[in-house]
Amino acid sequence: IKDARQLTVDTAFQMPVLKPALCAVWQRVSASGTLSESEQIL
């Protein structure tokens, strides 16, 4: 998660137009059932 978060932050900062796509990625991951409760919060 920390690697994914850092890459997300860096990408969003460098190319803000990708924010909706980045958010969609995180929504898919959240819906996948693979995250722990603390990871879901993050």
PDB file of all heavy atoms in Angstrom:
ATOM      1  N   ILE A   1       0.820  -1.206   0.000  1.00  0.00           N
ATOM      2  CA  ILE A   1       0.000   0.000   0.000  1.00  0.00           C
ATOM      3  C   ILE A   1       0.855   1.257   0.000  1.00  0.00           C
ATOM      4  O   ILE A   1       0.536   2.233  -0.691  1.00  0.00           O
ATOM      5  CB  ILE A   1      -0.966  -0.008   1.209  1.00  0.00           C
ATOM      6  CG1 ILE A   1      -1.907  -1.208   1.124  1.00  0.00           C
ATOM      7  CG2 ILE A   1      -1.742   1.289   1.309  1.00  0.00           C
ATOM      8  CD1 ILE A   1      -2.846  -1.195  -0.059  1.00  0.00           C
ATOM      9  N   LYS A   2       1.928   1.266   0.770  1.00  0.00           N
ATOM     10  CA  LYS A   2       2.773   2.464   0.822  1.00  0.00           C
ATOM     11  C   LYS A   2       3.378   2.769  -0.546  1.00  0.00           C
ATOM     12  O   LYS A   2       3.441   3.930  -0.949  1.00  0.00           O
ATOM     13  CB  LYS A   2       3.880   2.304   1.864  1.00  0.00           C
ATOM     14  CG  LYS A   2       3.362   2.352   3.278  1.00  0.00           C
ATOM     15  CD  LYS A   2       4.476   2.218   4.282  1.00  0.00           C
ATOM     16  CE  LYS A   2       3.905   2.223   5.698  1.00  0.00           C
ATOM     17  NZ  LYS A   2       4.958   2.042   6.704  1.00  0.00           N
ATOM     18  N   ASP A   3       3.816   1.737  -1.261  1.00  0.00           N
ATOM     19  CA  ASP A   3       4.353   1.946  -2.607  1.00  0.00           C
ATOM     20  C   ASP A   3       3.267   2.463  -3.551  1.00  0.00           C
ATOM     21  O   ASP A   3       3.493   3.388  -4.332  1.00  0.00           O
ATOM     22  CB  ASP A   3       4.941   0.651  -3.167  1.00  0.00           C
ATOM     23  CG  ASP A   3       6.185   0.195  -2.428  1.00  0.00           C
ATOM     24  OD1 ASP A   3       6.946   1.061  -1.941  1.00  0.00           O
ATOM     25  OD2 ASP A   3       6.405  -1.028  -2.355  1.00  0.00           O
ATOM     26  N   ALA A   4       2.084   1.858  -3.471  1.00  0.00           N
ATOM     27  CA  ALA A   4       0.968   2.274  -4.322  1.00  0.00           C
ATOM     28  C   ALA A   4       0.564   3.712  -4.013  1.00  0.00           C
ATOM     29  O   ALA A   4       0.303   4.504  -4.927  1.00  0.00           O
ATOM     30  CB  ALA A   4      -0.220   1.336  -4.127  1.00  0.00           C
ATOM     31  N   ARG A   5       0.537   4.052  -2.741  1.00  0.00           N
ATOM     32  CA  ARG A   5       0.164   5.414  -2.339  1.00  0.00           C
ATOM     33  C   ARG A   5       1.185   6.420  -2.853  1.00  0.00           C
ATOM     34  O   ARG A   5       0.815   7.453  -3.412  1.00  0.00           O
ATOM     35  CB  ARG A   5       0.054   5.507  -0.828  1.00  0.00           C
ATOM     36  CG  ARG A   5      -0.343   6.882  -0.346  1.00  0.00           C
ATOM     37  CD  ARG A   5      -0.396   6.929   1.190  1.00  0.00           C
ATOM     38  NE  ARG A   5      -0.849   8.202   1.649  1.00  0.00           N
ATOM     39  CZ  ARG A   5      -0.060   9.282   1.779  1.00  0.00           C
ATOM     40  NH1 ARG A   5       1.218   9.215   1.487  1.00  0.00           N
ATOM     41  NH2 ARG A   5      -0.560  10.432   2.202  1.00  0.00           N
ATOM     42  N   GLN A   6       2.477   6.136  -2.685  1.00  0.00           N
ATOM     43  CA  GLN A   6       3.504   7.077  -3.128  1.00  0.00           C
ATOM     44  C   GLN A   6       3.467   7.277  -4.634  1.00  0.00           C
ATOM     45  O   GLN A   6       3.564   8.397  -5.124  1.00  0.00           O
ATOM     46  CB  GLN A   6       4.898   6.613  -2.691  1.00  0.00           C
ATOM     47  CG  GLN A   6       5.969   7.660  -2.946  1.00  0.00           C
ATOM     48  CD  GLN A   6       5.688   8.960  -2.215  1.00  0.00           C
ATOM     49  OE1 GLN A   6       5.504   8.978  -1.005  1.00  0.00           O
ATOM     50  NE2 GLN A   6       5.617  10.053  -2.956  1.00  0.00           N
ATOM     51  N   LEU A   7       3.283   6.204  -5.369  1.00  0.00           N
ATOM     52  CA  LEU A   7       3.196   6.304  -6.814  1.00  0.00           C
ATOM     53  C   LEU A   7       1.945   7.087  -7.227  1.00  0.00           C
ATOM     54  O   LEU A   7       1.974   7.878  -8.175  1.00  0.00           O
ATOM     55  CB  LEU A   7       3.201   4.903  -7.438  1.00  0.00           C
ATOM     56  CG  LEU A   7       3.577   4.764  -8.894  1.00  0.00           C
ATOM     57  CD1 LEU A   7       4.875   5.479  -9.248  1.00  0.00           C
ATOM     58  CD2 LEU A   7       3.686   3.286  -9.252  1.00  0.00           C
ATOM     59  N   THR A   8       0.870   6.917  -6.486  1.00  0.00           N
ATOM     60  CA  THR A   8      -0.362   7.667  -6.734  1.00  0.00           C
ATOM     61  C   THR A   8      -0.130   9.159  -6.503  1.00  0.00           C
ATOM     62  O   THR A   8      -0.493   9.990  -7.339  1.00  0.00           O
ATOM     63  CB  THR A   8      -1.501   7.175  -5.813  1.00  0.00           C
ATOM     64  OG1 THR A   8      -1.765   5.803  -6.098  1.00  0.00           O
ATOM     65  CG2 THR A   8      -2.768   7.997  -6.006  1.00  0.00           C
ATOM     66  N   VAL A   9       0.470   9.497  -5.377  1.00  0.00           N
ATOM     67  CA  VAL A   9       0.729  10.904  -5.035  1.00  0.00           C
ATOM     68  C   VAL A   9       1.638  11.549  -6.084  1.00  0.00           C
ATOM     69  O   VAL A   9       1.366  12.656  -6.560  1.00  0.00           O
ATOM     70  CB  VAL A   9       1.340  11.011  -3.618  1.00  0.00           C
ATOM     71  CG1 VAL A   9       1.866  12.410  -3.335  1.00  0.00           C
ATOM     72  CG2 VAL A   9       0.314  10.601  -2.568  1.00  0.00           C
ATOM     73  N   ASP A  10       2.710  10.856  -6.431  1.00  0.00           N
ATOM     74  CA  ASP A  10       3.645  11.395  -7.424  1.00  0.00           C
ATOM     75  C   ASP A  10       2.972  11.600  -8.775  1.00  0.00           C
ATOM     76  O   ASP A  10       3.158  12.632  -9.434  1.00  0.00           O
ATOM     77  CB  ASP A  10       4.843  10.459  -7.595  1.00  0.00           C
ATOM     78  CG  ASP A  10       5.730  10.390  -6.364  1.00  0.00           C
ATOM     79  OD1 ASP A  10       5.595  11.246  -5.457  1.00  0.00           O
ATOM     80  OD2 ASP A  10       6.557   9.444  -6.299  1.00  0.00           O
ATOM     81  N   THR A  11       2.180  10.626  -9.198  1.00  0.00           N
ATOM     82  CA  THR A  11       1.499  10.704 -10.491  1.00  0.00           C
ATOM     83  C   THR A  11       0.474  11.831 -10.494  1.00  0.00           C
ATOM     84  O   THR A  11       0.406  12.617 -11.442  1.00  0.00           O
ATOM     85  CB  THR A  11       0.834   9.357 -10.830  1.00  0.00           C
ATOM     86  OG1 THR A  11       1.840   8.335 -10.854  1.00  0.00           O
ATOM     87  CG2 THR A  11       0.124   9.405 -12.175  1.00  0.00           C
ATOM     88  N   ALA A  12      -0.317  11.939  -9.426  1.00  0.00           N
ATOM     89  CA  ALA A  12      -1.341  12.983  -9.338  1.00  0.00           C
ATOM     90  C   ALA A  12      -0.706  14.375  -9.342  1.00  0.00           C
ATOM     91  O   ALA A  12      -1.240  15.311  -9.939  1.00  0.00           O
ATOM     92  CB  ALA A  12      -2.189  12.786  -8.088  1.00  0.00           C
ATOM     93  N   PHE A  13       0.434  14.508  -8.682  1.00  0.00           N
ATOM     94  CA  PHE A  13       1.126  15.795  -8.630  1.00  0.00           C
ATOM     95  C   PHE A  13       1.659  16.181 -10.009  1.00  0.00           C
ATOM     96  O   PHE A  13       1.523  17.326 -10.435  1.00  0.00           O
ATOM     97  CB  PHE A  13       2.265  15.741  -7.614  1.00  0.00           C
ATOM     98  CG  PHE A  13       3.069  17.013  -7.556  1.00  0.00           C
ATOM     99  CD1 PHE A  13       2.569  18.130  -6.902  1.00  0.00           C
ATOM    100  CD2 PHE A  13       4.312  17.096  -8.170  1.00  0.00           C
ATOM    101  CE1 PHE A  13       3.300  19.316  -6.866  1.00  0.00           C
ATOM    102  CE2 PHE A  13       5.049  18.276  -8.138  1.00  0.00           C
ATOM    103  CZ  PHE A  13       4.544  19.393  -7.486  1.00  0.00           C
ATOM    104  N   GLN A  14       2.250  15.223 -10.700  1.00  0.00           N
ATOM    105  CA  GLN A  14       2.864  15.505 -11.998  1.00  0.00           C
ATOM    106  C   GLN A  14       1.851  15.624 -13.131  1.00  0.00           C
ATOM    107  O   GLN A  14       2.105  16.312 -14.119  1.00  0.00           O
ATOM    108  CB  GLN A  14       3.879  14.411 -12.348  1.00  0.00           C
ATOM    109  CG  GLN A  14       5.085  14.409 -11.442  1.00  0.00           C
ATOM    110  CD  GLN A  14       6.014  13.254 -11.769  1.00  0.00           C
ATOM    111  OE1 GLN A  14       6.281  12.970 -12.927  1.00  0.00           O
ATOM    112  NE2 GLN A  14       6.499  12.573 -10.739  1.00  0.00           N
ATOM    113  N   MET A  15       0.718  14.933 -12.992  1.00  0.00           N
ATOM    114  CA  MET A  15      -0.274  14.935 -14.064  1.00  0.00           C
ATOM    115  C   MET A  15      -1.681  14.902 -13.463  1.00  0.00           C
ATOM    116  O   MET A  15      -2.342  13.861 -13.448  1.00  0.00           O
ATOM    117  CB  MET A  15      -0.044  13.742 -14.990  1.00  0.00           C
ATOM    118  CG  MET A  15      -0.716  13.868 -16.324  1.00  0.00           C
ATOM    119  SD  MET A  15      -0.102  12.568 -17.427  1.00  0.00           S
ATOM    120  CE  MET A  15      -0.727  13.221 -18.960  1.00  0.00           C
ATOM    121  N   PRO A  16      -2.155  16.055 -12.967  1.00  0.00           N
ATOM    122  CA  PRO A  16      -3.460  16.103 -12.288  1.00  0.00           C
ATOM    123  C   PRO A  16      -4.632  15.578 -13.108  1.00  0.00           C
ATOM    124  O   PRO A  16      -5.617  15.110 -12.542  1.00  0.00           O
ATOM    125  CB  PRO A  16      -3.639  17.589 -11.971  1.00  0.00           C
ATOM    126  CG  PRO A  16      -2.257  18.153 -11.955  1.00  0.00           C
ATOM    127  CD  PRO A  16      -1.475  17.343 -12.951  1.00  0.00           C
ATOM    128  N   VAL A  17      -4.522  15.603 -14.424  1.00  0.00           N
ATOM    129  CA  VAL A  17      -5.606  15.115 -15.270  1.00  0.00           C
ATOM    130  C   VAL A  17      -5.880  13.629 -15.029  1.00  0.00           C
ATOM    131  O   VAL A  17      -6.968  13.130 -15.340  1.00  0.00           O
ATOM    132  CB  VAL A  17      -5.314  15.413 -16.769  1.00  0.00           C
ATOM    133  CG1 VAL A  17      -4.198  14.541 -17.293  1.00  0.00           C
ATOM    134  CG2 VAL A  17      -6.560  15.285 -17.602  1.00  0.00           C
ATOM    135  N   LEU A  18      -4.930  12.917 -14.449  1.00  0.00           N
ATOM    136  CA  LEU A  18      -5.107  11.486 -14.171  1.00  0.00           C
ATOM    137  C   LEU A  18      -5.810  11.213 -12.839  1.00  0.00           C
ATOM    138  O   LEU A  18      -6.060  10.049 -12.508  1.00  0.00           O
ATOM    139  CB  LEU A  18      -3.748  10.769 -14.178  1.00  0.00           C
ATOM    140  CG  LEU A  18      -3.096  10.600 -15.543  1.00  0.00           C
ATOM    141  CD1 LEU A  18      -1.731   9.943 -15.400  1.00  0.00           C
ATOM    142  CD2 LEU A  18      -3.985   9.780 -16.460  1.00  0.00           C
ATOM    143  N   LYS A  19      -6.158  12.234 -12.090  1.00  0.00           N
ATOM    144  CA  LYS A  19      -6.783  12.004 -10.782  1.00  0.00           C
ATOM    145  C   LYS A  19      -8.042  11.143 -10.851  1.00  0.00           C
ATOM    146  O   LYS A  19      -8.208  10.243 -10.028  1.00  0.00           O
ATOM    147  CB  LYS A  19      -7.060  13.326 -10.073  1.00  0.00           C
ATOM    148  CG  LYS A  19      -5.803  13.974  -9.537  1.00  0.00           C
ATOM    149  CD  LYS A  19      -6.125  15.248  -8.772  1.00  0.00           C
ATOM    150  CE  LYS A  19      -4.877  15.850  -8.161  1.00  0.00           C
ATOM    151  NZ  LYS A  19      -5.184  17.035  -7.351  1.00  0.00           N
ATOM    152  N   PRO A  20      -8.960  11.353 -11.809  1.00  0.00           N
ATOM    153  CA  PRO A  20     -10.132  10.461 -11.876  1.00  0.00           C
ATOM    154  C   PRO A  20      -9.742   9.008 -12.137  1.00  0.00           C
ATOM    155  O   PRO A  20     -10.321   8.092 -11.544  1.00  0.00           O
ATOM    156  CB  PRO A  20     -10.968  11.041 -13.019  1.00  0.00           C
ATOM    157  CG  PRO A  20     -10.559  12.472 -13.090  1.00  0.00           C
ATOM    158  CD  PRO A  20      -9.097  12.477 -12.744  1.00  0.00           C
ATOM    159  N   ALA A  21      -8.763   8.781 -12.996  1.00  0.00           N
ATOM    160  CA  ALA A  21      -8.327   7.411 -13.285  1.00  0.00           C
ATOM    161  C   ALA A  21      -7.647   6.790 -12.069  1.00  0.00           C
ATOM    162  O   ALA A  21      -7.846   5.612 -11.772  1.00  0.00           O
ATOM    163  CB  ALA A  21      -7.386   7.402 -14.485  1.00  0.00           C
ATOM    164  N   LEU A  22      -6.846   7.577 -11.365  1.00  0.00           N
ATOM    165  CA  LEU A  22      -6.206   7.090 -10.144  1.00  0.00           C
ATOM    166  C   LEU A  22      -7.257   6.714  -9.109  1.00  0.00           C
ATOM    167  O   LEU A  22      -7.157   5.681  -8.443  1.00  0.00           O
ATOM    168  CB  LEU A  22      -5.260   8.154  -9.583  1.00  0.00           C
ATOM    169  CG  LEU A  22      -3.997   8.412 -10.397  1.00  0.00           C
ATOM    170  CD1 LEU A  22      -3.364   9.725  -9.987  1.00  0.00           C
ATOM    171  CD2 LEU A  22      -3.019   7.256 -10.225  1.00  0.00           C
ATOM    172  N   CYS A  23      -8.256   7.559  -8.982  1.00  0.00           N
ATOM    173  CA  CYS A  23      -9.328   7.285  -8.022  1.00  0.00           C
ATOM    174  C   CYS A  23     -10.085   6.014  -8.404  1.00  0.00           C
ATOM    175  O   CYS A  23     -10.427   5.210  -7.537  1.00  0.00           O
ATOM    176  CB  CYS A  23     -10.266   8.476  -7.948  1.00  0.00           C
ATOM    177  SG  CYS A  23     -11.139   8.533  -6.396  1.00  0.00           S
ATOM    178  N   ALA A  24     -10.321   5.819  -9.685  1.00  0.00           N
ATOM    179  CA  ALA A  24     -11.004   4.607 -10.143  1.00  0.00           C
ATOM    180  C   ALA A  24     -10.199   3.361  -9.794  1.00  0.00           C
ATOM    181  O   ALA A  24     -10.770   2.330  -9.416  1.00  0.00           O
ATOM    182  CB  ALA A  24     -11.273   4.688 -11.640  1.00  0.00           C
ATOM    183  N   VAL A  25      -8.870   3.458  -9.901  1.00  0.00           N
ATOM    184  CA  VAL A  25      -8.017   2.333  -9.517  1.00  0.00           C
ATOM    185  C   VAL A  25      -8.238   2.000  -8.050  1.00  0.00           C
ATOM    186  O   VAL A  25      -8.443   0.842  -7.675  1.00  0.00           O
ATOM    187  CB  VAL A  25      -6.522   2.650  -9.780  1.00  0.00           C
ATOM    188  CG1 VAL A  25      -5.619   1.661  -9.056  1.00  0.00           C
ATOM    189  CG2 VAL A  25      -6.233   2.648 -11.267  1.00  0.00           C
ATOM    190  N   TRP A  26      -8.211   3.025  -7.199  1.00  0.00           N
ATOM    191  CA  TRP A  26      -8.391   2.798  -5.761  1.00  0.00           C
ATOM    192  C   TRP A  26      -9.793   2.299  -5.431  1.00  0.00           C
ATOM    193  O   TRP A  26      -9.973   1.504  -4.514  1.00  0.00           O
ATOM    194  CB  TRP A  26      -8.030   4.054  -4.977  1.00  0.00           C
ATOM    195  CG  TRP A  26      -6.545   4.203  -4.890  1.00  0.00           C
ATOM    196  CD1 TRP A  26      -5.736   4.985  -5.664  1.00  0.00           C
ATOM    197  CD2 TRP A  26      -5.678   3.480  -4.016  1.00  0.00           C
ATOM    198  NE1 TRP A  26      -4.428   4.806  -5.314  1.00  0.00           N
ATOM    199  CE2 TRP A  26      -4.353   3.891  -4.307  1.00  0.00           C
ATOM    200  CE3 TRP A  26      -5.881   2.535  -3.025  1.00  0.00           C
ATOM    201  CZ2 TRP A  26      -3.246   3.378  -3.618  1.00  0.00           C
ATOM    202  CZ3 TRP A  26      -4.780   2.032  -2.344  1.00  0.00           C
ATOM    203  CH2 TRP A  26      -3.485   2.450  -2.638  1.00  0.00           C
ATOM    204  N   GLN A  27     -10.800   2.737  -6.184  1.00  0.00           N
ATOM    205  CA  GLN A  27     -12.148   2.216  -5.971  1.00  0.00           C
ATOM    206  C   GLN A  27     -12.215   0.731  -6.329  1.00  0.00           C
ATOM    207  O   GLN A  27     -12.842  -0.047  -5.610  1.00  0.00           O
ATOM    208  CB  GLN A  27     -13.175   3.014  -6.787  1.00  0.00           C
ATOM    209  CG  GLN A  27     -13.428   4.389  -6.199  1.00  0.00           C
ATOM    210  CD  GLN A  27     -14.397   5.201  -7.020  1.00  0.00           C
ATOM    211  OE1 GLN A  27     -14.485   5.063  -8.241  1.00  0.00           O
ATOM    212  NE2 GLN A  27     -15.132   6.079  -6.350  1.00  0.00           N
ATOM    213  N   ARG A  28     -11.563   0.334  -7.411  1.00  0.00           N
ATOM    214  CA  ARG A  28     -11.524  -1.088  -7.792  1.00  0.00           C
ATOM    215  C   ARG A  28     -10.830  -1.916  -6.726  1.00  0.00           C
ATOM    216  O   ARG A  28     -11.293  -2.993  -6.346  1.00  0.00           O
ATOM    217  CB  ARG A  28     -10.780  -1.267  -9.123  1.00  0.00           C
ATOM    218  CG  ARG A  28     -11.620  -1.325 -10.330  1.00  0.00           C
ATOM    219  CD  ARG A  28     -10.902  -1.851 -11.557  1.00  0.00           C
ATOM    220  NE  ARG A  28      -9.574  -1.323 -11.790  1.00  0.00           N
ATOM    221  CZ  ARG A  28      -9.312  -0.168 -12.406  1.00  0.00           C
ATOM    222  NH1 ARG A  28     -10.305   0.579 -12.833  1.00  0.00           N
ATOM    223  NH2 ARG A  28      -8.061   0.214 -12.596  1.00  0.00           N
ATOM    224  N   VAL A  29      -9.697  -1.413  -6.264  1.00  0.00           N
ATOM    225  CA  VAL A  29      -8.949  -2.141  -5.237  1.00  0.00           C
ATOM    226  C   VAL A  29      -9.781  -2.262  -3.971  1.00  0.00           C
ATOM    227  O   VAL A  29      -9.849  -3.327  -3.360  1.00  0.00           O
ATOM    228  CB  VAL A  29      -7.590  -1.459  -4.962  1.00  0.00           C
ATOM    229  CG1 VAL A  29      -6.911  -2.064  -3.754  1.00  0.00           C
ATOM    230  CG2 VAL A  29      -6.683  -1.559  -6.181  1.00  0.00           C
ATOM    231  N   SER A  30     -10.426  -1.182  -3.581  1.00  0.00           N
ATOM    232  CA  SER A  30     -11.260  -1.197  -2.373  1.00  0.00           C
ATOM    233  C   SER A  30     -12.398  -2.203  -2.487  1.00  0.00           C
ATOM    234  O   SER A  30     -12.751  -2.868  -1.518  1.00  0.00           O
ATOM    235  CB  SER A  30     -11.835   0.193  -2.097  1.00  0.00           C
ATOM    236  OG  SER A  30     -10.812   1.083  -1.737  1.00  0.00           O
ATOM    237  N   ALA A  31     -12.962  -2.311  -3.688  1.00  0.00           N
ATOM    238  CA  ALA A  31     -14.085  -3.222  -3.910  1.00  0.00           C
ATOM    239  C   ALA A  31     -13.637  -4.676  -4.082  1.00  0.00           C
ATOM    240  O   ALA A  31     -14.476  -5.581  -4.048  1.00  0.00           O
ATOM    241  CB  ALA A  31     -14.872  -2.779  -5.142  1.00  0.00           C
ATOM    242  N   SER A  32     -12.349  -4.906  -4.234  1.00  0.00           N
ATOM    243  CA  SER A  32     -11.855  -6.256  -4.521  1.00  0.00           C
ATOM    244  C   SER A  32     -11.893  -7.193  -3.321  1.00  0.00           C
ATOM    245  O   SER A  32     -11.794  -8.407  -3.478  1.00  0.00           O
ATOM    246  CB  SER A  32     -10.414  -6.184  -5.050  1.00  0.00           C
ATOM    247  OG  SER A  32      -9.519  -5.832  -4.006  1.00  0.00           O
ATOM    248  N   GLY A  33     -11.984  -6.649  -2.120  1.00  0.00           N
ATOM    249  CA  GLY A  33     -12.004  -7.479  -0.925  1.00  0.00           C
ATOM    250  C   GLY A  33     -10.630  -7.953  -0.484  1.00  0.00           C
ATOM    251  O   GLY A  33     -10.525  -8.808   0.390  1.00  0.00           O
ATOM    252  N   THR A  34      -9.570  -7.397  -1.066  1.00  0.00           N
ATOM    253  CA  THR A  34      -8.214  -7.835  -0.731  1.00  0.00           C
ATOM    254  C   THR A  34      -7.556  -6.984   0.346  1.00  0.00           C
ATOM    255  O   THR A  34      -6.494  -7.357   0.845  1.00  0.00           O
ATOM    256  CB  THR A  34      -7.310  -7.841  -1.984  1.00  0.00           C
ATOM    257  OG1 THR A  34      -7.246  -6.512  -2.514  1.00  0.00           O
ATOM    258  CG2 THR A  34      -7.834  -8.799  -3.034  1.00  0.00           C
ATOM    259  N   LEU A  35      -8.165  -5.857   0.697  1.00  0.00           N
ATOM    260  CA  LEU A  35      -7.548  -4.951   1.661  1.00  0.00           C
ATOM    261  C   LEU A  35      -8.005  -5.253   3.083  1.00  0.00           C
ATOM    262  O   LEU A  35      -9.165  -5.590   3.319  1.00  0.00           O
ATOM    263  CB  LEU A  35      -7.892  -3.496   1.327  1.00  0.00           C
ATOM    264  CG  LEU A  35      -7.467  -2.971  -0.033  1.00  0.00           C
ATOM    265  CD1 LEU A  35      -7.881  -1.513  -0.188  1.00  0.00           C
ATOM    266  CD2 LEU A  35      -5.982  -3.141  -0.253  1.00  0.00           C
ATOM    267  N   SER A  36      -7.085  -5.075   4.003  1.00  0.00           N
ATOM    268  CA  SER A  36      -7.438  -5.175   5.420  1.00  0.00           C
ATOM    269  C   SER A  36      -8.247  -3.932   5.808  1.00  0.00           C
ATOM    270  O   SER A  36      -8.362  -2.987   5.015  1.00  0.00           O
ATOM    271  CB  SER A  36      -6.171  -5.248   6.277  1.00  0.00           C
ATOM    272  OG  SER A  36      -5.486  -4.001   6.242  1.00  0.00           O
ATOM    273  N   GLU A  37      -8.767  -3.934   7.010  1.00  0.00           N
ATOM    274  CA  GLU A  37      -9.560  -2.787   7.464  1.00  0.00           C
ATOM    275  C   GLU A  37      -8.730  -1.506   7.457  1.00  0.00           C
ATOM    276  O   GLU A  37      -9.191  -0.459   6.991  1.00  0.00           O
ATOM    277  CB  GLU A  37     -10.110  -3.047   8.868  1.00  0.00           C
ATOM    278  CG  GLU A  37     -11.062  -1.980   9.344  1.00  0.00           C
ATOM    279  CD  GLU A  37     -11.672  -2.309  10.697  1.00  0.00           C
ATOM    280  OE1 GLU A  37     -11.804  -3.495  11.032  1.00  0.00           O
ATOM    281  OE2 GLU A  37     -12.010  -1.349  11.420  1.00  0.00           O
ATOM    282  N   SER A  38      -7.497  -1.576   7.946  1.00  0.00           N
ATOM    283  CA  SER A  38      -6.648  -0.374   7.967  1.00  0.00           C
ATOM    284  C   SER A  38      -6.275   0.061   6.552  1.00  0.00           C
ATOM    285  O   SER A  38      -6.185   1.256   6.267  1.00  0.00           O
ATOM    286  CB  SER A  38      -5.398  -0.595   8.817  1.00  0.00           C
ATOM    287  OG  SER A  38      -4.604  -1.632   8.280  1.00  0.00           O
ATOM    288  N   GLU A  39      -6.081  -0.906   5.659  1.00  0.00           N
ATOM    289  CA  GLU A  39      -5.780  -0.565   4.271  1.00  0.00           C
ATOM    290  C   GLU A  39      -6.995   0.057   3.587  1.00  0.00           C
ATOM    291  O   GLU A  39      -6.849   0.968   2.766  1.00  0.00           O
ATOM    292  CB  GLU A  39      -5.312  -1.806   3.510  1.00  0.00           C
ATOM    293  CG  GLU A  39      -3.948  -2.303   3.937  1.00  0.00           C
ATOM    294  CD  GLU A  39      -3.579  -3.659   3.373  1.00  0.00           C
ATOM    295  OE1 GLU A  39      -4.491  -4.439   2.992  1.00  0.00           O
ATOM    296  OE2 GLU A  39      -2.371  -3.944   3.320  1.00  0.00           O
ATOM    297  N   GLN A  40      -8.186  -0.414   3.948  1.00  0.00           N
ATOM    298  CA  GLN A  40      -9.420   0.185   3.406  1.00  0.00           C
ATOM    299  C   GLN A  40      -9.523   1.652   3.827  1.00  0.00           C
ATOM    300  O   GLN A  40      -9.908   2.501   3.030  1.00  0.00           O
ATOM    301  CB  GLN A  40     -10.668  -0.567   3.892  1.00  0.00           C
ATOM    302  CG  GLN A  40     -10.962  -1.827   3.149  1.00  0.00           C
ATOM    303  CD  GLN A  40     -11.585  -1.593   1.781  1.00  0.00           C
ATOM    304  OE1 GLN A  40     -11.388  -0.573   1.131  1.00  0.00           O
ATOM    305  NE2 GLN A  40     -12.326  -2.579   1.328  1.00  0.00           N
ATOM    306  N   ILE A  41      -9.179   1.928   5.068  1.00  0.00           N
ATOM    307  CA  ILE A  41      -9.220   3.308   5.563  1.00  0.00           C
ATOM    308  C   ILE A  41      -8.232   4.164   4.774  1.00  0.00           C
ATOM    309  O   ILE A  41      -8.564   5.268   4.336  1.00  0.00           O
ATOM    310  CB  ILE A  41      -8.937   3.354   7.077  1.00  0.00           C
ATOM    311  CG1 ILE A  41     -10.099   2.713   7.834  1.00  0.00           C
ATOM    312  CG2 ILE A  41      -8.681   4.783   7.554  1.00  0.00           C
ATOM    313  CD1 ILE A  41      -9.825   2.440   9.300  1.00  0.00           C
ATOM    314  N   LEU A  42      -7.019   3.657   4.577  1.00  0.00           N
ATOM    315  CA  LEU A  42      -6.009   4.389   3.803  1.00  0.00           C
ATOM    316  C   LEU A  42      -6.472   4.603   2.365  1.00  0.00           C
ATOM    317  O   LEU A  42      -6.312   5.691   1.809  1.00  0.00           O
ATOM    318  CB  LEU A  42      -4.671   3.660   3.830  1.00  0.00           C
ATOM    319  CG  LEU A  42      -3.531   4.345   3.083  1.00  0.00           C
ATOM    320  CD1 LEU A  42      -3.249   5.738   3.639  1.00  0.00           C
ATOM    321  CD2 LEU A  42      -2.275   3.494   3.158  1.00  0.00           C
TER     322      LEU A  42
END
